[in-house]
Every structure is written in C-alpha cells, then in structure tokens.
C-alpha atoms as a PDB file:
ATOM      1  CA  MET A   1     -56.984-118.628  23.787  1.00  0.00           C
ATOM      2  CA  THR A   2     -52.995-117.732  23.311  1.00  0.00           C
ATOM      3  CA  THR A   3     -51.150-115.408  24.683  1.00  0.00           C
ATOM      4  CA  ASN A   4     -47.799-114.261  23.976  1.00  0.00           C
ATOM      5  CA  ALA A   5     -44.776-114.357  26.617  1.00  0.00           C
ATOM      6  CA  PHE A   6     -43.532-111.200  28.226  1.00  0.00           C
ATOM      7  CA  LEU A   7     -40.706-110.272  30.309  1.00  0.00           C
ATOM      8  CA  THR A   8     -39.950-106.617  31.304  1.00  0.00           C
ATOM      9  CA  GLY A   9     -37.521-105.345  33.929  1.00  0.00           C
ATOM     10  CA  ASN A  10     -36.598-102.411  35.926  1.00  0.00           C
ATOM     11  CA  THR A  11     -34.214-101.518  38.541  1.00  0.00           C
ATOM     12  CA  GLU A  12     -35.306-100.347  41.975  1.00  0.00           C
ATOM     13  CA  GLY A  13     -31.978 -99.032  44.117  1.00  0.00           C
ATOM     14  CA  THR A  14     -29.905-102.397  43.574  1.00  0.00           C
ATOM     15  CA  ARG A  15     -32.789-104.911  42.848  1.00  0.00           C
ATOM     16  CA  LEU A  16     -33.725-105.871  39.457  1.00  0.00           C
ATOM     17  CA  VAL A  17     -37.363-106.261  39.379  1.00  0.00           C
ATOM     18  CA  LEU A  18     -38.731-108.704  36.544  1.00  0.00           C
ATOM     19  CA  THR A  19     -42.100-109.029  35.729  1.00  0.00           C
ATOM     20  CA  ALA A  20     -43.320-112.069  33.597  1.00  0.00           C
ATOM     21  CA  SER A  21     -46.617-112.113  31.683  1.00  0.00           C
ATOM     22  CA  GLY A  22     -48.333-114.098  29.161  1.00  0.00           C
ATOM     23  CA  SER A  23     -47.641-117.602  28.396  1.00  0.00           C
ATOM     24  CA  TRP A  24     -44.477-119.568  29.421  1.00  0.00           C
ATOM     25  CA  THR A  25     -45.192-122.658  27.572  1.00  0.00           C
ATOM     26  CA  ALA A  26     -43.392-124.459  25.029  1.00  0.00           C
ATOM     27  CA  ARG A  27     -45.405-123.287  22.329  1.00  0.00           C
ATOM     28  CA  HIS A  28     -43.312-119.637  22.640  1.00  0.00           C
ATOM     29  CA  ALA A  29     -40.262-121.219  23.280  1.00  0.00           C
ATOM     30  CA  SER A  30     -38.276-118.695  20.870  1.00  0.00           C
ATOM     31  CA  GLU A  31     -40.023-115.981  22.432  1.00  0.00           C
ATOM     32  CA  ILE A  32     -39.023-116.815  25.805  1.00  0.00           C
ATOM     33  CA  ASP A  33     -35.249-117.621  24.871  1.00  0.00           C
ATOM     34  CA  GLN A  34     -35.079-114.192  23.443  1.00  0.00           C
ATOM     35  CA  LEU A  35     -36.610-112.203  26.213  1.00  0.00           C
ATOM     36  CA  ILE A  36     -34.328-113.753  28.329  1.00  0.00           C
ATOM     37  CA  SER A  37     -31.328-113.836  26.172  1.00  0.00           C
ATOM     38  CA  ALA A  38     -32.030-109.909  25.892  1.00  0.00           C
ATOM     39  CA  LEU A  39     -31.989-109.045  29.310  1.00  0.00           C
ATOM     40  CA  ALA A  40     -29.586-106.277  30.657  1.00  0.00           C
ATOM     41  CA  TRP A  41     -28.859-104.903  33.659  1.00  0.00           C
ATOM     42  CA  GLU A  42     -26.083-103.531  35.641  1.00  0.00           C
ATOM     43  CA  GLY A  43     -23.191-104.726  37.943  1.00  0.00           C
ATOM     44  CA  THR A  44     -24.468-103.007  40.863  1.00  0.00           C
ATOM     45  CA  THR A  45     -27.407-105.322  40.928  1.00  0.00           C
ATOM     46  CA  GLN A  46     -27.583-106.923  44.355  1.00  0.00           C
ATOM     47  CA  SER A  47     -30.597-109.196  44.288  1.00  0.00           C
ATOM     48  CA  VAL A  48     -33.378-109.980  41.678  1.00  0.00           C
ATOM     49  CA  GLN A  49     -36.974-110.696  42.018  1.00  0.00           C
ATOM     50  CA  VAL A  50     -39.521-112.184  39.839  1.00  0.00           C
ATOM     51  CA  ASP A  51     -42.987-111.747  39.974  1.00  0.00           C
ATOM     52  CA  MET A  52     -44.555-114.432  37.819  1.00  0.00           C
ATOM     53  CA  GLY A  53     -48.603-113.199  39.062  1.00  0.00           C
ATOM     54  CA  ALA A  54     -49.273-112.392  35.233  1.00  0.00           C
ATOM     55  CA  VAL A  55     -48.071-115.597  33.876  1.00  0.00           C
ATOM     56  CA  ARG A  56     -51.402-117.556  32.529  1.00  0.00           C
ATOM     57  CA  GLY A  57     -50.102-120.735  30.892  1.00  0.00           C
ATOM     58  CA  PHE A  58     -47.140-122.742  32.605  1.00  0.00           C
ATOM     59  CA  ASP A  59     -45.401-125.956  31.729  1.00  0.00           C
ATOM     60  CA  THR A  60     -42.682-128.014  32.037  1.00  0.00           C
ATOM     61  CA  TYR A  61     -40.550-125.701  29.102  1.00  0.00           C
ATOM     62  CA  GLY A  62     -41.076-122.578  31.390  1.00  0.00           C
ATOM     63  CA  ALA A  63     -40.226-124.004  34.431  1.00  0.00           C
ATOM     64  CA  TRP A  64     -37.039-124.835  32.783  1.00  0.00           C
ATOM     65  CA  GLN A  65     -36.398-121.092  31.017  1.00  0.00           C
ATOM     66  CA  LEU A  66     -37.379-119.722  34.887  1.00  0.00           C
ATOM     67  CA  ALA A  67     -34.501-121.795  36.326  1.00  0.00           C
ATOM     68  CA  ARG A  68     -32.831-120.593  33.413  1.00  0.00           C
ATOM     69  CA  LEU A  69     -32.791-116.990  34.317  1.00  0.00           C
ATOM     70  CA  ARG A  70     -32.227-117.595  37.663  1.00  0.00           C
ATOM     71  CA  ARG A  71     -28.983-119.057  36.725  1.00  0.00           C
ATOM     72  CA  LEU A  72     -27.936-115.957  34.660  1.00  0.00           C
ATOM     73  CA  THR A  73     -29.321-113.264  37.171  1.00  0.00           C
ATOM     74  CA  GLU A  74     -28.294-114.584  40.203  1.00  0.00           C
ATOM     75  CA  THR A  75     -25.312-112.493  42.133  1.00  0.00           C
ATOM     76  CA  PRO A  76     -22.772-113.597  44.866  1.00  0.00           C
ATOM     77  CA  ALA A  77     -24.065-110.507  46.596  1.00  0.00           C
ATOM     78  CA  GLY A  78     -27.305-111.293  46.883  1.00  0.00           C
ATOM     79  CA  GLY A  79     -30.410-113.613  46.366  1.00  0.00           C
ATOM     80  CA  PHE A  80     -33.148-114.483  43.808  1.00  0.00           C
ATOM     81  CA  GLU A  81     -37.078-114.298  44.601  1.00  0.00           C
END
C-alpha cells in the first residue's frame, strides 16, 4: 500500500513545529519537494522541531529531503530537532 507524503506545521511561541507523515520515499519525490518548497515561517522562529513519528516509508531520498529541510529552516538563533 502506498501512502502519500505530508508535512504540516504550526508555530508554538518562537518554535516552528513540523509534523511529517506518510511515505517519504523516491516514489513521492515531487510531492515532498513541493511540501518543503511551500513552507513559510515567520522571522521570529528561533528553533525548529520535526516530528517524523508518523512517517511510514523512508528511504535515502527521504533522508536527503530531511537534510534539505534542515538547511532551509535552521536559524542562527536556535536549533533543529
């Protein structure tokens, strides 16, 4: 069974909280790319937390996109979890 990839986010104070779910695999490459490219957050974000607990498929491509997500969201003021 194939599950689409999802990424949702909300802000908790100065923290951006992202929740990933579904299948983060090469099969869903264009979906994942669009999800990450569509992210928008306020300049007041001091840290980013990504919850990958609901991801049901993960391969090298998904890991590469997670690293990309980190590069795009990491802030000088805070960290990435």
